[in-house]
Amino acid sequence: MRAMPGIVGNLGPRQRRRRLVMGVVMLAVGVGLVISVVALGAGRGWRLLAMLPFWAGALGLFQARAET
């Protein structure tokens, strides 16, 4: 996949792969955290905390895709 139009990519294939893998791993961590928090019946604050791995995972995937 190429960089988005108008954006010059600055990541090599190795860095793109690293960000892609970390993005997928963080999304998996987020899913595991949500399942655990819901199963334990934890409060809203703990469920909100699950947003952080999802944010980090999405950021990694977007950076890998855009090569930035």
N, C-alpha and C. Protein backbone atom coordinates (compact mmCIF):
# COMPACT_ATOMS: atom_id res chain seq x y z
N MET A 1 0.85 -1.17 0.00
CA MET A 1 0.00 0.00 0.00
C MET A 1 0.89 1.24 0.00
N ARG A 2 0.54 2.20 -0.77
CA ARG A 2 1.34 3.41 -0.90
C ARG A 2 0.86 4.48 0.07
N ALA A 3 1.70 5.49 0.23
CA ALA A 3 1.35 6.61 1.10
C ALA A 3 0.13 7.33 0.53
N MET A 4 -0.55 8.03 1.39
CA MET A 4 -1.72 8.78 0.98
C MET A 4 -1.29 9.93 0.07
N PRO A 5 -2.14 10.34 -0.89
CA PRO A 5 -1.77 11.43 -1.80
C PRO A 5 -1.42 12.70 -1.02
N GLY A 6 -0.34 13.34 -1.42
CA GLY A 6 0.07 14.58 -0.78
C GLY A 6 0.90 14.40 0.47
N ILE A 7 1.12 13.14 0.91
CA ILE A 7 1.91 12.88 2.11
C ILE A 7 3.14 12.07 1.71
N VAL A 8 4.28 12.56 2.11
CA VAL A 8 5.52 11.85 1.82
C VAL A 8 5.81 10.92 2.97
N GLY A 9 5.95 9.64 2.69
CA GLY A 9 6.21 8.64 3.73
C GLY A 9 7.66 8.69 4.19
N ASN A 10 7.87 8.50 5.47
CA ASN A 10 9.23 8.51 5.99
C ASN A 10 9.57 7.20 6.72
N LEU A 11 8.76 6.19 6.56
CA LEU A 11 9.02 4.89 7.20
C LEU A 11 9.50 3.89 6.16
N GLY A 12 10.50 3.13 6.54
CA GLY A 12 10.94 2.05 5.70
C GLY A 12 10.06 0.83 5.94
N PRO A 13 10.26 -0.23 5.19
CA PRO A 13 9.44 -1.43 5.35
C PRO A 13 9.54 -2.03 6.75
N ARG A 14 10.71 -1.98 7.33
CA ARG A 14 10.90 -2.55 8.67
C ARG A 14 10.10 -1.79 9.73
N GLN A 15 10.13 -0.46 9.66
CA GLN A 15 9.38 0.35 10.63
C GLN A 15 7.87 0.23 10.41
N ARG A 16 7.46 0.14 9.15
CA ARG A 16 6.04 -0.04 8.87
C ARG A 16 5.54 -1.35 9.48
N ARG A 17 6.32 -2.40 9.28
CA ARG A 17 5.94 -3.72 9.82
C ARG A 17 5.87 -3.67 11.34
N ARG A 18 6.83 -3.00 11.96
CA ARG A 18 6.85 -2.88 13.42
C ARG A 18 5.60 -2.16 13.94
N ARG A 19 5.23 -1.06 13.28
CA ARG A 19 4.03 -0.33 13.72
C ARG A 19 2.76 -1.13 13.45
N LEU A 20 2.74 -1.86 12.37
CA LEU A 20 1.59 -2.69 12.07
C LEU A 20 1.42 -3.78 13.13
N VAL A 21 2.51 -4.46 13.47
CA VAL A 21 2.45 -5.52 14.48
C VAL A 21 2.04 -4.94 15.83
N MET A 22 2.64 -3.83 16.22
CA MET A 22 2.28 -3.22 17.51
C MET A 22 0.83 -2.76 17.53
N GLY A 23 0.34 -2.27 16.41
CA GLY A 23 -1.06 -1.87 16.32
C GLY A 23 -1.99 -3.06 16.54
N VAL A 24 -1.70 -4.16 15.89
CA VAL A 24 -2.53 -5.36 16.05
C VAL A 24 -2.45 -5.89 17.47
N VAL A 25 -1.25 -5.89 18.04
CA VAL A 25 -1.07 -6.38 19.42
C VAL A 25 -1.86 -5.50 20.39
N MET A 26 -1.78 -4.19 20.23
CA MET A 26 -2.50 -3.30 21.14
C MET A 26 -4.02 -3.44 21.00
N LEU A 27 -4.50 -3.67 19.79
CA LEU A 27 -5.93 -3.91 19.62
C LEU A 27 -6.34 -5.21 20.33
N ALA A 28 -5.51 -6.23 20.24
CA ALA A 28 -5.79 -7.49 20.94
C ALA A 28 -5.78 -7.29 22.45
N VAL A 29 -4.83 -6.48 22.95
CA VAL A 29 -4.79 -6.16 24.38
C VAL A 29 -6.06 -5.44 24.78
N GLY A 30 -6.52 -4.51 23.96
CA GLY A 30 -7.75 -3.79 24.24
C GLY A 30 -8.96 -4.72 24.32
N VAL A 31 -9.05 -5.65 23.39
CA VAL A 31 -10.16 -6.61 23.41
C VAL A 31 -10.09 -7.46 24.67
N GLY A 32 -8.91 -7.94 25.02
CA GLY A 32 -8.75 -8.74 26.24
C GLY A 32 -9.11 -7.95 27.48
N LEU A 33 -8.71 -6.69 27.51
CA LEU A 33 -9.03 -5.84 28.65
C LEU A 33 -10.53 -5.60 28.78
N VAL A 34 -11.18 -5.35 27.68
CA VAL A 34 -12.64 -5.14 27.71
C VAL A 34 -13.35 -6.40 28.18
N ILE A 35 -12.94 -7.54 27.67
CA ILE A 35 -13.57 -8.81 28.08
C ILE A 35 -13.37 -9.03 29.58
N SER A 36 -12.16 -8.77 30.06
CA SER A 36 -11.88 -8.96 31.49
C SER A 36 -12.68 -8.01 32.36
N VAL A 37 -12.73 -6.76 31.97
CA VAL A 37 -13.43 -5.74 32.77
C VAL A 37 -14.93 -6.03 32.81
N VAL A 38 -15.49 -6.42 31.68
CA VAL A 38 -16.92 -6.73 31.65
C VAL A 38 -17.21 -8.00 32.45
N ALA A 39 -16.35 -9.01 32.32
CA ALA A 39 -16.56 -10.26 33.05
C ALA A 39 -16.47 -10.06 34.56
N LEU A 40 -15.59 -9.15 34.98
CA LEU A 40 -15.45 -8.88 36.41
C LEU A 40 -16.48 -7.89 36.94
N GLY A 41 -17.22 -7.28 36.05
CA GLY A 41 -18.24 -6.33 36.48
C GLY A 41 -17.65 -5.04 37.05
N ALA A 42 -16.51 -4.63 36.54
CA ALA A 42 -15.85 -3.43 37.05
C ALA A 42 -16.62 -2.17 36.64
N GLY A 43 -16.31 -1.08 37.29
CA GLY A 43 -17.02 0.17 37.06
C GLY A 43 -16.67 0.84 35.74
N ARG A 44 -17.33 1.96 35.49
CA ARG A 44 -17.17 2.69 34.24
C ARG A 44 -15.74 3.19 34.03
N GLY A 45 -15.09 3.61 35.08
CA GLY A 45 -13.73 4.11 34.96
C GLY A 45 -12.78 3.08 34.39
N TRP A 46 -12.93 1.84 34.79
CA TRP A 46 -12.08 0.77 34.28
C TRP A 46 -12.40 0.48 32.81
N ARG A 47 -13.67 0.58 32.46
CA ARG A 47 -14.02 0.38 31.05
C ARG A 47 -13.47 1.51 30.19
N LEU A 48 -13.46 2.70 30.74
CA LEU A 48 -12.89 3.83 30.02
C LEU A 48 -11.39 3.65 29.81
N LEU A 49 -10.74 3.04 30.76
CA LEU A 49 -9.30 2.76 30.66
C LEU A 49 -8.98 1.87 29.46
N ALA A 50 -9.93 1.05 29.05
CA ALA A 50 -9.73 0.16 27.91
C ALA A 50 -9.58 0.95 26.61
N MET A 51 -9.94 2.22 26.62
CA MET A 51 -9.81 3.04 25.43
C MET A 51 -8.33 3.24 25.04
N LEU A 52 -7.44 3.25 26.01
CA LEU A 52 -6.03 3.53 25.73
C LEU A 52 -5.37 2.52 24.79
N PRO A 53 -5.52 1.20 25.02
CA PRO A 53 -4.92 0.27 24.06
C PRO A 53 -5.55 0.36 22.67
N PHE A 54 -6.85 0.64 22.61
CA PHE A 54 -7.50 0.80 21.31
C PHE A 54 -6.95 2.02 20.57
N TRP A 55 -6.74 3.10 21.32
CA TRP A 55 -6.18 4.31 20.72
C TRP A 55 -4.77 4.04 20.20
N ALA A 56 -3.94 3.40 21.01
CA ALA A 56 -2.56 3.10 20.61
C ALA A 56 -2.54 2.16 19.41
N GLY A 57 -3.42 1.18 19.40
CA GLY A 57 -3.48 0.24 18.28
C GLY A 57 -3.91 0.91 16.99
N ALA A 58 -4.93 1.75 17.08
CA ALA A 58 -5.38 2.47 15.89
C ALA A 58 -4.30 3.41 15.38
N LEU A 59 -3.61 4.07 16.28
CA LEU A 59 -2.54 4.98 15.90
C LEU A 59 -1.44 4.22 15.15
N GLY A 60 -1.05 3.07 15.65
CA GLY A 60 -0.03 2.26 14.98
C GLY A 60 -0.47 1.81 13.60
N LEU A 61 -1.72 1.38 13.47
CA LEU A 61 -2.21 0.93 12.17
C LEU A 61 -2.29 2.09 11.18
N PHE A 62 -2.77 3.24 11.63
CA PHE A 62 -2.85 4.40 10.75
C PHE A 62 -1.47 4.86 10.31
N GLN A 63 -0.50 4.84 11.21
CA GLN A 63 0.85 5.26 10.86
C GLN A 63 1.49 4.27 9.87
N ALA A 64 1.25 3.00 10.06
CA ALA A 64 1.79 2.00 9.13
C ALA A 64 1.18 2.17 7.76
N ARG A 65 -0.10 2.43 7.72
CA ARG A 65 -0.79 2.58 6.44
C ARG A 65 -0.35 3.83 5.69
N ALA A 66 -0.19 4.93 6.42
CA ALA A 66 0.17 6.20 5.78
C ALA A 66 1.68 6.36 5.60
N GLU A 67 2.46 5.42 6.13
CA GLU A 67 3.93 5.46 6.05
C GLU A 67 4.51 6.70 6.71
N THR A 68 3.88 7.18 7.77
CA THR A 68 4.39 8.37 8.46
C THR A 68 4.79 8.05 9.88
